[in-house]
Amino acid sequence: MKTTVKILQRSIVSLISVAMLFSCANNTQEVRDFLASKNLPIGIAKDAFHVYKDSGRITSKLSTPLLHDFSNRKAHPYNEFPKGIKIINFDGKDSVTITGDYALTYSKTSVSEIVGNVVVLNHKENSKLETSQLLWDQNTAYFFSEKAFTLSTLKDTIYGVGFECKEDLSKHLAKKTTGKLLTKEE
């Protein structure tokens, strides 16, 4: 009699456990909506390294100690780089390196904001841009900021507040400038 009761109890427990397992369903969209409503990333990557290619040619490399993927946002999906970012863009034999302490990249607009100790180096021209905030329109390959900056070349050093320039630091428009510039007398 006791063994029959034990078998019956075990059967009931097993049946309830199986029923609980089959009652659970993970709808991907429900999980995404839950994460978005709690302002949680859909994915987290540590020590991420990504290589971008175009027609088999490497166009840029991105490395970061931490990446938060918020692509589950319907209106404004984005990626967050809370521990900094390093990007190396290649254009033929030229390369430009961009580093910063924090970054956000919005996938719908292809605009990135890099904040904190931002440094942009053009290795071919030996020019260097330093600022506390940089906005980067990747569609037009253009940098801009309204923050204080220092732009150094082999011959000149320009200080100012507010600037715009091409991604390779050429053709720049500097605002509220001071500095030491080498000029030719005619």
Protein backbone atom coordinates (compact mmCIF):
# COMPACT_ATOMS: atom_id res chain seq x y z
CA MET A 1 0.00 0.00 0.00
CA LYS A 2 2.81 2.41 0.92
CA THR A 3 4.63 1.76 -2.37
CA THR A 4 1.45 2.47 -4.33
CA VAL A 5 1.08 5.83 -2.55
CA LYS A 6 4.72 6.67 -3.22
CA ILE A 7 4.39 5.77 -6.89
CA LEU A 8 1.21 7.84 -7.12
CA GLN A 9 2.92 10.85 -5.46
CA ARG A 10 5.91 10.61 -7.79
CA SER A 11 3.63 10.32 -10.81
CA ILE A 12 1.69 13.43 -9.79
CA VAL A 13 4.91 15.41 -9.22
CA SER A 14 6.29 14.25 -12.59
CA LEU A 15 3.04 15.13 -14.37
CA ILE A 16 2.99 18.64 -12.83
CA SER A 17 6.66 19.18 -13.77
CA VAL A 18 6.05 18.14 -17.38
CA ALA A 19 2.95 20.34 -17.57
CA MET A 20 4.97 23.32 -16.28
CA LEU A 21 7.69 22.76 -18.87
CA PHE A 22 5.22 22.63 -21.75
CA SER A 23 3.30 25.67 -20.50
CA CYS A 24 6.40 27.90 -20.84
CA ALA A 25 6.72 29.63 -24.20
CA ASN A 26 9.31 32.19 -25.23
CA ASN A 27 8.01 34.44 -27.94
CA THR A 28 10.99 36.40 -29.28
CA GLN A 29 8.99 39.57 -29.76
CA GLU A 30 7.60 39.37 -26.20
CA VAL A 31 11.16 39.06 -24.84
CA ARG A 32 12.32 42.05 -26.93
CA ASP A 33 9.36 44.15 -25.77
CA PHE A 34 10.01 43.21 -22.15
CA LEU A 35 13.70 44.18 -22.42
CA ALA A 36 12.79 47.46 -24.14
CA SER A 37 10.18 48.33 -21.51
CA LYS A 38 12.75 47.80 -18.74
CA ASN A 39 15.40 49.76 -20.71
CA LEU A 40 17.62 46.69 -20.89
CA PRO A 41 19.89 45.86 -23.83
CA ILE A 42 18.97 42.95 -26.04
CA GLY A 43 22.61 41.88 -26.04
CA ILE A 44 25.90 42.60 -24.27
CA ALA A 45 29.35 41.90 -25.70
CA LYS A 46 32.62 42.08 -23.79
CA ASP A 47 35.93 42.74 -25.54
CA ALA A 48 34.17 43.09 -28.89
CA PHE A 49 36.19 43.35 -32.09
CA HIS A 50 34.41 43.88 -35.39
CA VAL A 51 35.88 44.14 -38.89
CA TYR A 52 33.80 45.90 -41.58
CA LYS A 53 34.38 44.88 -45.18
CA ASP A 54 33.22 46.24 -48.50
CA SER A 55 33.74 44.07 -51.60
CA GLY A 56 36.24 41.92 -49.70
CA ARG A 57 38.35 44.92 -48.66
CA ILE A 58 38.60 45.91 -45.00
CA THR A 59 37.15 49.41 -44.56
CA SER A 60 37.24 49.74 -40.77
CA LYS A 61 37.88 47.97 -37.49
CA LEU A 62 36.05 48.60 -34.23
CA SER A 63 37.14 47.45 -30.78
CA THR A 64 35.53 48.06 -27.41
CA PRO A 65 35.72 46.54 -23.93
CA LEU A 66 31.90 46.60 -23.59
CA LEU A 67 29.02 46.90 -26.07
CA HIS A 68 25.32 47.21 -25.17
CA ASP A 69 22.96 46.45 -28.07
CA PHE A 70 19.68 48.37 -27.87
CA SER A 71 18.54 47.46 -31.38
CA ASN A 72 15.20 46.36 -29.89
CA ARG A 73 14.06 50.01 -29.72
CA LYS A 74 11.46 50.66 -32.39
CA ALA A 75 11.82 54.43 -32.68
CA HIS A 76 15.57 54.91 -32.13
CA PRO A 77 17.65 51.70 -32.08
CA TYR A 78 21.23 52.25 -30.95
CA ASN A 79 24.43 50.70 -29.63
CA GLU A 80 26.15 51.97 -26.49
CA PHE A 81 29.86 51.72 -25.75
CA PRO A 82 30.04 52.65 -22.03
CA LYS A 83 33.72 51.80 -21.54
CA GLY A 84 35.11 53.46 -24.64
CA ILE A 85 35.63 52.77 -28.30
CA LYS A 86 38.43 52.62 -30.87
CA ILE A 87 37.70 52.78 -34.59
CA ILE A 88 40.24 52.57 -37.39
CA ASN A 89 38.96 53.63 -40.83
CA PHE A 90 40.91 52.64 -43.92
CA ASP A 91 40.77 54.54 -47.20
CA GLY A 92 43.28 53.00 -49.56
CA LYS A 93 46.66 53.37 -47.86
CA ASP A 94 45.41 56.08 -45.48
CA SER A 95 43.97 55.40 -42.07
CA VAL A 96 42.19 57.47 -39.44
CA THR A 97 41.90 56.34 -35.82
CA ILE A 98 39.08 57.57 -33.58
CA THR A 99 39.06 56.93 -29.81
CA GLY A 100 36.83 58.07 -26.97
CA ASP A 101 35.72 57.18 -23.44
CA TYR A 102 32.02 56.66 -24.28
CA ALA A 103 29.99 56.39 -27.48
CA LEU A 104 26.48 55.99 -28.85
CA THR A 105 25.72 54.92 -32.41
CA TYR A 106 22.21 55.32 -33.84
CA SER A 107 21.57 52.77 -36.57
CA LYS A 108 18.66 54.52 -38.33
CA THR A 109 20.50 57.81 -38.84
CA SER A 110 24.11 56.50 -38.91
CA VAL A 111 25.09 59.29 -36.54
CA SER A 112 27.47 58.56 -33.67
CA GLU A 113 28.30 60.60 -30.60
CA ILE A 114 31.70 60.05 -29.02
CA VAL A 115 32.31 61.68 -25.64
CA GLY A 116 35.25 62.09 -23.27
CA ASN A 117 38.89 62.41 -24.33
CA VAL A 118 38.04 62.13 -28.01
CA VAL A 119 41.11 61.88 -30.24
CA VAL A 120 41.09 61.60 -34.03
CA LEU A 121 44.42 60.84 -35.75
CA ASN A 122 45.06 61.06 -39.48
CA HIS A 123 48.18 58.93 -39.82
CA LYS A 124 49.13 60.02 -43.35
CA GLU A 125 48.86 63.77 -42.73
CA ASN A 126 50.10 63.55 -39.11
CA SER A 127 47.15 65.64 -37.94
CA LYS A 128 45.36 65.23 -34.63
CA LEU A 129 42.02 66.49 -33.34
CA GLU A 130 41.27 66.51 -29.61
CA THR A 131 37.90 67.43 -28.09
CA SER A 132 35.47 66.40 -25.35
CA GLN A 133 32.60 65.58 -27.73
CA LEU A 134 32.42 64.60 -31.37
CA LEU A 135 29.37 63.98 -33.53
CA TRP A 136 30.03 61.85 -36.60
CA ASP A 137 27.69 61.56 -39.57
CA GLN A 138 28.83 58.33 -41.17
CA ASN A 139 26.66 58.82 -44.28
CA THR A 140 28.47 62.03 -45.22
CA ALA A 141 31.81 61.09 -43.55
CA TYR A 142 31.74 64.35 -41.58
CA PHE A 143 32.70 65.33 -38.01
CA PHE A 144 31.23 68.26 -36.10
CA SER A 145 31.12 69.62 -32.56
CA GLU A 146 30.28 72.77 -30.62
CA LYS A 147 32.80 71.95 -27.86
CA ALA A 148 36.35 73.21 -27.36
CA PHE A 149 38.93 71.54 -29.58
CA THR A 150 42.61 71.43 -30.51
CA LEU A 151 43.62 70.64 -34.08
CA SER A 152 47.34 69.96 -34.54
CA THR A 153 49.21 69.48 -37.81
CA LEU A 154 52.92 69.36 -38.53
CA LYS A 155 52.99 73.15 -38.98
CA ASP A 156 49.99 74.54 -37.08
CA THR A 157 48.04 74.23 -33.86
CA ILE A 158 44.52 75.63 -33.81
CA TYR A 159 42.41 76.07 -30.68
CA GLY A 160 38.75 76.92 -30.80
CA VAL A 161 35.18 76.22 -29.82
CA GLY A 162 33.09 74.57 -32.53
CA PHE A 163 34.25 72.98 -35.77
CA GLU A 164 33.27 70.91 -38.77
CA CYS A 165 35.54 68.79 -40.92
CA LYS A 166 35.75 65.81 -43.21
CA GLU A 167 36.42 62.42 -41.66
CA ASP A 168 40.12 62.64 -42.61
CA LEU A 169 40.43 66.05 -40.83
CA SER A 170 40.75 67.91 -44.13
CA LYS A 171 38.66 70.87 -45.23
CA HIS A 172 37.84 71.99 -41.74
CA LEU A 173 35.73 74.93 -40.66
CA ALA A 174 36.87 76.13 -37.24
CA LYS A 175 34.88 78.55 -35.10
CA LYS A 176 36.07 80.95 -32.38
CA THR A 177 39.69 80.13 -33.11
CA THR A 178 43.03 81.10 -31.68
CA GLY A 179 46.38 79.50 -32.20
CA LYS A 180 49.73 79.45 -33.87
CA LEU A 181 49.52 79.31 -37.65
CA LEU A 182 52.31 79.24 -40.19
CA THR A 183 51.57 81.64 -43.05
CA LYS A 184 53.41 82.78 -46.16
CA GLU A 185 54.14 86.45 -46.78
CA GLU A 186 53.57 87.64 -50.31
